[in-house]
PDB file of N, CA and C in Angstrom:
ATOM      1  N   MET A   1     -81.320 -58.774-288.817  1.00  0.00           N
ATOM      2  CA  MET A   1     -80.798 -59.606-287.757  1.00  0.00           C
ATOM      3  C   MET A   1     -81.541 -59.338-286.456  1.00  0.00           C
ATOM      4  N   VAL A   2     -81.748 -58.082-286.104  1.00  0.00           N
ATOM      5  CA  VAL A   2     -82.433 -57.788-284.853  1.00  0.00           C
ATOM      6  C   VAL A   2     -83.928 -58.076-284.972  1.00  0.00           C
ATOM      7  N   SER A   3     -84.489 -57.904-286.156  1.00  0.00           N
ATOM      8  CA  SER A   3     -85.919 -58.155-286.314  1.00  0.00           C
ATOM      9  C   SER A   3     -86.240 -59.646-286.393  1.00  0.00           C
ATOM     10  N   GLN A   4     -85.302 -60.469-286.864  1.00  0.00           N
ATOM     11  CA  GLN A   4     -85.526 -61.910-286.959  1.00  0.00           C
ATOM     12  C   GLN A   4     -84.275 -62.708-286.566  1.00  0.00           C
ATOM     13  N   PRO A   5     -83.810 -62.573-285.322  1.00  0.00           N
ATOM     14  CA  PRO A   5     -82.627 -63.331-284.896  1.00  0.00           C
ATOM     15  C   PRO A   5     -82.973 -64.802-284.698  1.00  0.00           C
ATOM     16  N   GLU A   6     -81.949 -65.624-284.674  1.00  0.00           N
ATOM     17  CA  GLU A   6     -82.180 -67.044-284.365  1.00  0.00           C
ATOM     18  C   GLU A   6     -82.649 -67.201-282.923  1.00  0.00           C
ATOM     19  N   GLN A   7     -82.136 -66.360-282.025  1.00  0.00           N
ATOM     20  CA  GLN A   7     -82.587 -66.394-280.641  1.00  0.00           C
ATOM     21  C   GLN A   7     -82.295 -65.071-279.957  1.00  0.00           C
ATOM     22  N   ILE A   8     -83.037 -64.836-278.878  1.00  0.00           N
ATOM     23  CA  ILE A   8     -82.812 -63.673-278.022  1.00  0.00           C
ATOM     24  C   ILE A   8     -82.572 -64.207-276.620  1.00  0.00           C
ATOM     25  N   VAL A   9     -81.477 -63.769-276.006  1.00  0.00           N
ATOM     26  CA  VAL A   9     -81.126 -64.225-274.661  1.00  0.00           C
ATOM     27  C   VAL A   9     -81.016 -63.009-273.748  1.00  0.00           C
ATOM     28  N   PRO A  10     -81.265 -63.199-272.460  1.00  0.00           N
ATOM     29  CA  PRO A  10     -81.138 -62.072-271.537  1.00  0.00           C
ATOM     30  C   PRO A  10     -79.685 -61.680-271.325  1.00  0.00           C
ATOM     31  N   GLY A  11     -79.459 -60.386-271.204  1.00  0.00           N
ATOM     32  CA  GLY A  11     -78.136 -59.868-270.872  1.00  0.00           C
ATOM     33  C   GLY A  11     -78.179 -59.293-269.463  1.00  0.00           C
ATOM     34  N   GLU A  12     -77.325 -58.350-269.191  1.00  0.00           N
ATOM     35  CA  GLU A  12     -77.282 -57.713-267.878  1.00  0.00           C
ATOM     36  C   GLU A  12     -77.996 -56.364-267.907  1.00  0.00           C
ATOM     37  N   HIS A  13     -78.510 -55.927-266.764  1.00  0.00           N
ATOM     38  CA  HIS A  13     -79.100 -54.601-266.596  1.00  0.00           C
ATOM     39  C   HIS A  13     -80.259 -54.341-267.552  1.00  0.00           C
ATOM     40  N   GLY A  14     -81.093 -55.346-267.796  1.00  0.00           N
ATOM     41  CA  GLY A  14     -82.260 -55.180-268.641  1.00  0.00           C
ATOM     42  C   GLY A  14     -81.990 -55.238-270.133  1.00  0.00           C
ATOM     43  N   VAL A  15     -80.752 -55.497-270.504  1.00  0.00           N
ATOM     44  CA  VAL A  15     -80.388 -55.598-271.923  1.00  0.00           C
ATOM     45  C   VAL A  15     -80.735 -57.000-272.415  1.00  0.00           C
ATOM     46  N   GLN A  16     -81.239 -57.081-273.633  1.00  0.00           N
ATOM     47  CA  GLN A  16     -81.455 -58.363-274.289  1.00  0.00           C
ATOM     48  C   GLN A  16     -80.437 -58.467-275.414  1.00  0.00           C
ATOM     49  N   VAL A  17     -80.115 -59.697-275.829  1.00  0.00           N
ATOM     50  CA  VAL A  17     -79.118 -59.899-276.867  1.00  0.00           C
ATOM     51  C   VAL A  17     -79.714 -60.766-277.972  1.00  0.00           C
ATOM     52  N   ALA A  18     -79.863 -60.178-279.159  1.00  0.00           N
ATOM     53  CA  ALA A  18     -80.279 -60.938-280.335  1.00  0.00           C
ATOM     54  C   ALA A  18     -79.022 -61.579-280.896  1.00  0.00           C
ATOM     55  N   GLN A  19     -79.129 -62.845-281.294  1.00  0.00           N
ATOM     56  CA  GLN A  19     -77.947 -63.499-281.830  1.00  0.00           C
ATOM     57  C   GLN A  19     -78.311 -64.505-282.907  1.00  0.00           C
ATOM     58  N   SER A  20     -77.411 -64.609-283.873  1.00  0.00           N
ATOM     59  CA  SER A  20     -77.536 -65.564-284.976  1.00  0.00           C
ATOM     60  C   SER A  20     -76.159 -66.089-285.313  1.00  0.00           C
ATOM     61  N   ARG A  21     -76.108 -67.353-285.703  1.00  0.00           N
ATOM     62  CA  ARG A  21     -74.839 -67.963-286.104  1.00  0.00           C
ATOM     63  C   ARG A  21     -74.479 -67.475-287.505  1.00  0.00           C
ATOM     64  N   ALA A  22     -73.215 -67.105-287.688  1.00  0.00           N
ATOM     65  CA  ALA A  22     -72.761 -66.586-288.985  1.00  0.00           C
ATOM     66  C   ALA A  22     -71.263 -66.782-289.132  1.00  0.00           C
ATOM     67  N   HIS A  23     -70.830 -67.240-290.309  1.00  0.00           N
ATOM     68  CA  HIS A  23     -69.407 -67.336-290.654  1.00  0.00           C
ATOM     69  C   HIS A  23     -68.601 -68.106-289.610  1.00  0.00           C
ATOM     70  N   GLY A  24     -69.155 -69.200-289.101  1.00  0.00           N
ATOM     71  CA  GLY A  24     -68.442 -70.035-288.141  1.00  0.00           C
ATOM     72  C   GLY A  24     -68.402 -69.466-286.738  1.00  0.00           C
ATOM     73  N   GLY A  25     -69.165 -68.423-286.481  1.00  0.00           N
ATOM     74  CA  GLY A  25     -69.186 -67.806-285.163  1.00  0.00           C
ATOM     75  C   GLY A  25     -70.593 -67.342-284.827  1.00  0.00           C
ATOM     76  N   LEU A  26     -70.671 -66.296-284.025  1.00  0.00           N
ATOM     77  CA  LEU A  26     -71.948 -65.805-283.541  1.00  0.00           C
ATOM     78  C   LEU A  26     -71.978 -64.287-283.656  1.00  0.00           C
ATOM     79  N   LEU A  27     -73.002 -63.772-284.335  1.00  0.00           N
ATOM     80  CA  LEU A  27     -73.221 -62.335-284.417  1.00  0.00           C
ATOM     81  C   LEU A  27     -74.150 -61.971-283.272  1.00  0.00           C
ATOM     82  N   ARG A  28     -73.702 -61.066-282.390  1.00  0.00           N
ATOM     83  CA  ARG A  28     -74.473 -60.684-281.197  1.00  0.00           C
ATOM     84  C   ARG A  28     -74.819 -59.207-281.257  1.00  0.00           C
ATOM     85  N   VAL A  29     -76.077 -58.894-280.932  1.00  0.00           N
ATOM     86  CA  VAL A  29     -76.564 -57.525-280.991  1.00  0.00           C
ATOM     87  C   VAL A  29     -77.303 -57.205-279.692  1.00  0.00           C
ATOM     88  N   PRO A  30     -76.609 -56.639-278.698  1.00  0.00           N
ATOM     89  CA  PRO A  30     -77.282 -56.219-277.470  1.00  0.00           C
ATOM     90  C   PRO A  30     -78.202 -55.021-277.767  1.00  0.00           C
ATOM     91  N   PHE A  31     -79.419 -55.059-277.185  1.00  0.00           N
ATOM     92  CA  PHE A  31     -80.382 -53.987-277.446  1.00  0.00           C
ATOM     93  C   PHE A  31     -81.293 -53.787-276.245  1.00  0.00           C
ATOM     94  N   LEU A  32     -81.951 -52.631-276.234  1.00  0.00           N
ATOM     95  CA  LEU A  32     -82.962 -52.305-275.234  1.00  0.00           C
ATOM     96  C   LEU A  32     -84.294 -52.150-275.942  1.00  0.00           C
ATOM     97  N   GLU A  33     -85.357 -52.605-275.311  1.00  0.00           N
ATOM     98  CA  GLU A  33     -86.707 -52.346-275.815  1.00  0.00           C
ATOM     99  C   GLU A  33     -87.102 -50.960-275.317  1.00  0.00           C
ATOM    100  N   ILE A  34     -87.476 -50.074-276.226  1.00  0.00           N
ATOM    101  CA  ILE A  34     -87.942 -48.737-275.874  1.00  0.00           C
ATOM    102  C   ILE A  34     -89.297 -48.533-276.558  1.00  0.00           C
ATOM    103  N   PRO A  35     -90.071 -47.527-276.154  1.00  0.00           N
ATOM    104  CA  PRO A  35     -91.399 -47.337-276.758  1.00  0.00           C
ATOM    105  C   PRO A  35     -91.378 -47.239-278.289  1.00  0.00           C
ATOM    106  N   GLU A  36     -90.322 -46.697-278.854  1.00  0.00           N
ATOM    107  CA  GLU A  36     -90.227 -46.537-280.308  1.00  0.00           C
ATOM    108  C   GLU A  36     -89.777 -47.811-281.025  1.00  0.00           C
ATOM    109  N   GLY A  37     -89.358 -48.827-280.286  1.00  0.00           N
ATOM    110  CA  GLY A  37     -88.878 -50.070-280.896  1.00  0.00           C
ATOM    111  C   GLY A  37     -87.680 -50.603-280.133  1.00  0.00           C
ATOM    112  N   ARG A  38     -86.636 -50.970-280.852  1.00  0.00           N
ATOM    113  CA  ARG A  38     -85.417 -51.495-280.231  1.00  0.00           C
ATOM    114  C   ARG A  38     -84.264 -50.529-280.462  1.00  0.00           C
ATOM    115  N   LYS A  39     -83.524 -50.257-279.396  1.00  0.00           N
ATOM    116  CA  LYS A  39     -82.340 -49.401-279.492  1.00  0.00           C
ATOM    117  C   LYS A  39     -81.110 -50.302-279.429  1.00  0.00           C
ATOM    118  N   ILE A  40     -80.379 -50.394-280.536  1.00  0.00           N
ATOM    119  CA  ILE A  40     -79.184 -51.223-280.619  1.00  0.00           C
ATOM    120  C   ILE A  40     -78.040 -50.541-279.891  1.00  0.00           C
ATOM    121  N   LEU A  41     -77.379 -51.282-279.009  1.00  0.00           N
ATOM    122  CA  LEU A  41     -76.270 -50.729-278.233  1.00  0.00           C
ATOM    123  C   LEU A  41     -74.936 -50.943-278.931  1.00  0.00           C
ATOM    124  N   THR A  42     -74.753 -52.101-279.533  1.00  0.00           N
ATOM    125  CA  THR A  42     -73.537 -52.406-280.285  1.00  0.00           C
ATOM    126  C   THR A  42     -73.787 -53.663-281.106  1.00  0.00           C
ATOM    127  N   VAL A  43     -72.879 -53.998-281.976  1.00  0.00           N
ATOM    128  CA  VAL A  43     -72.942 -55.229-282.775  1.00  0.00           C
ATOM    129  C   VAL A  43     -71.547 -55.826-282.763  1.00  0.00           C
ATOM    130  N   TYR A  44     -71.461 -57.130-282.502  1.00  0.00           N
ATOM    131  CA  TYR A  44     -70.139 -57.757-282.580  1.00  0.00           C
ATOM    132  C   TYR A  44     -70.246 -59.220-282.941  1.00  0.00           C
ATOM    133  N   TRP A  45     -69.171 -59.739-283.497  1.00  0.00           N
ATOM    134  CA  TRP A  45     -69.055 -61.146-283.872  1.00  0.00           C
ATOM    135  C   TRP A  45     -68.076 -61.796-282.908  1.00  0.00           C
ATOM    136  N   THR A  46     -68.390 -63.024-282.499  1.00  0.00           N
ATOM    137  CA  THR A  46     -67.494 -63.768-281.622  1.00  0.00           C
ATOM    138  C   THR A  46     -67.382 -65.212-282.097  1.00  0.00           C
ATOM    139  N   SER A  47     -66.243 -65.810-281.848  1.00  0.00           N
ATOM    140  CA  SER A  47     -66.057 -67.234-282.167  1.00  0.00           C
ATOM    141  C   SER A  47     -66.503 -68.118-281.006  1.00  0.00           C
ATOM    142  N   LYS A  48     -66.896 -67.525-279.881  1.00  0.00           N
ATOM    143  CA  LYS A  48     -67.251 -68.281-278.674  1.00  0.00           C
ATOM    144  C   LYS A  48     -68.731 -68.680-278.668  1.00  0.00           C
ATOM    145  N   VAL A  49     -69.118 -69.443-279.687  1.00  0.00           N
ATOM    146  CA  VAL A  49     -70.514 -69.863-279.819  1.00  0.00           C
ATOM    147  C   VAL A  49     -70.957 -70.668-278.596  1.00  0.00           C
ATOM    148  N   ASP A  50     -70.152 -71.612-278.151  1.00  0.00           N
ATOM    149  CA  ASP A  50     -70.532 -72.464-277.014  1.00  0.00           C
ATOM    150  C   ASP A  50     -70.755 -71.662-275.740  1.00  0.00           C
ATOM    151  N   LYS A  51     -70.065 -70.554-275.592  1.00  0.00           N
ATOM    152  CA  LYS A  51     -70.208 -69.732-274.386  1.00  0.00           C
ATOM    153  C   LYS A  51     -71.557 -69.012-274.337  1.00  0.00           C
ATOM    154  N   TYR A  52     -72.047 -68.549-275.483  1.00  0.00           N
ATOM    155  CA  TYR A  52     -73.235 -67.694-275.508  1.00  0.00           C
ATOM    156  C   TYR A  52     -74.508 -68.352-276.021  1.00  0.00           C
ATOM    157  N   TRP A  53     -74.391 -69.384-276.859  1.00  0.00           N
ATOM    158  CA  TRP A  53     -75.578 -69.986-277.470  1.00  0.00           C
ATOM    159  C   TRP A  53     -76.365 -70.779-276.444  1.00  0.00           C
ATOM    160  N   ARG A  54     -77.666 -70.568-276.397  1.00  0.00           N
ATOM    161  CA  ARG A  54     -78.549 -71.291-275.481  1.00  0.00           C
ATOM    162  C   ARG A  54     -79.254 -72.390-276.258  1.00  0.00           C
ATOM    163  N   GLN A  55     -79.068 -73.611-275.834  1.00  0.00           N
ATOM    164  CA  GLN A  55     -79.758 -74.734-276.492  1.00  0.00           C
ATOM    165  C   GLN A  55     -81.254 -74.599-276.207  1.00  0.00           C
ATOM    166  N   GLY A  56     -82.071 -74.904-277.199  1.00  0.00           N
ATOM    167  CA  GLY A  56     -83.509 -74.817-277.017  1.00  0.00           C
ATOM    168  C   GLY A  56     -84.095 -73.535-277.570  1.00  0.00           C
ATOM    169  N   GLY A  57     -83.286 -72.697-278.225  1.00  0.00           N
ATOM    170  CA  GLY A  57     -83.804 -71.469-278.852  1.00  0.00           C
ATOM    171  C   GLY A  57     -84.028 -70.359-277.893  1.00  0.00           C
ATOM    172  N   GLU A  58     -85.111 -69.568-278.154  1.00  0.00           N
ATOM    173  CA  GLU A  58     -85.365 -68.353-277.372  1.00  0.00           C
ATOM    174  C   GLU A  58     -85.769 -68.688-275.986  1.00  0.00           C
TER     175      GLU A  58
END
């Protein structure tokens, strides 16, 4: 999911959020880019697709 998300959107404080639609909702994975790769901060599913999904992809 983090390596091939449907889209990546900016979060707060330098965090990026990988997200993909799943099971009628949205799986969101906030992460930081670090020299070793990506550091996942948390993973959560939300039903609020319209709130977070950005039309037009990445």
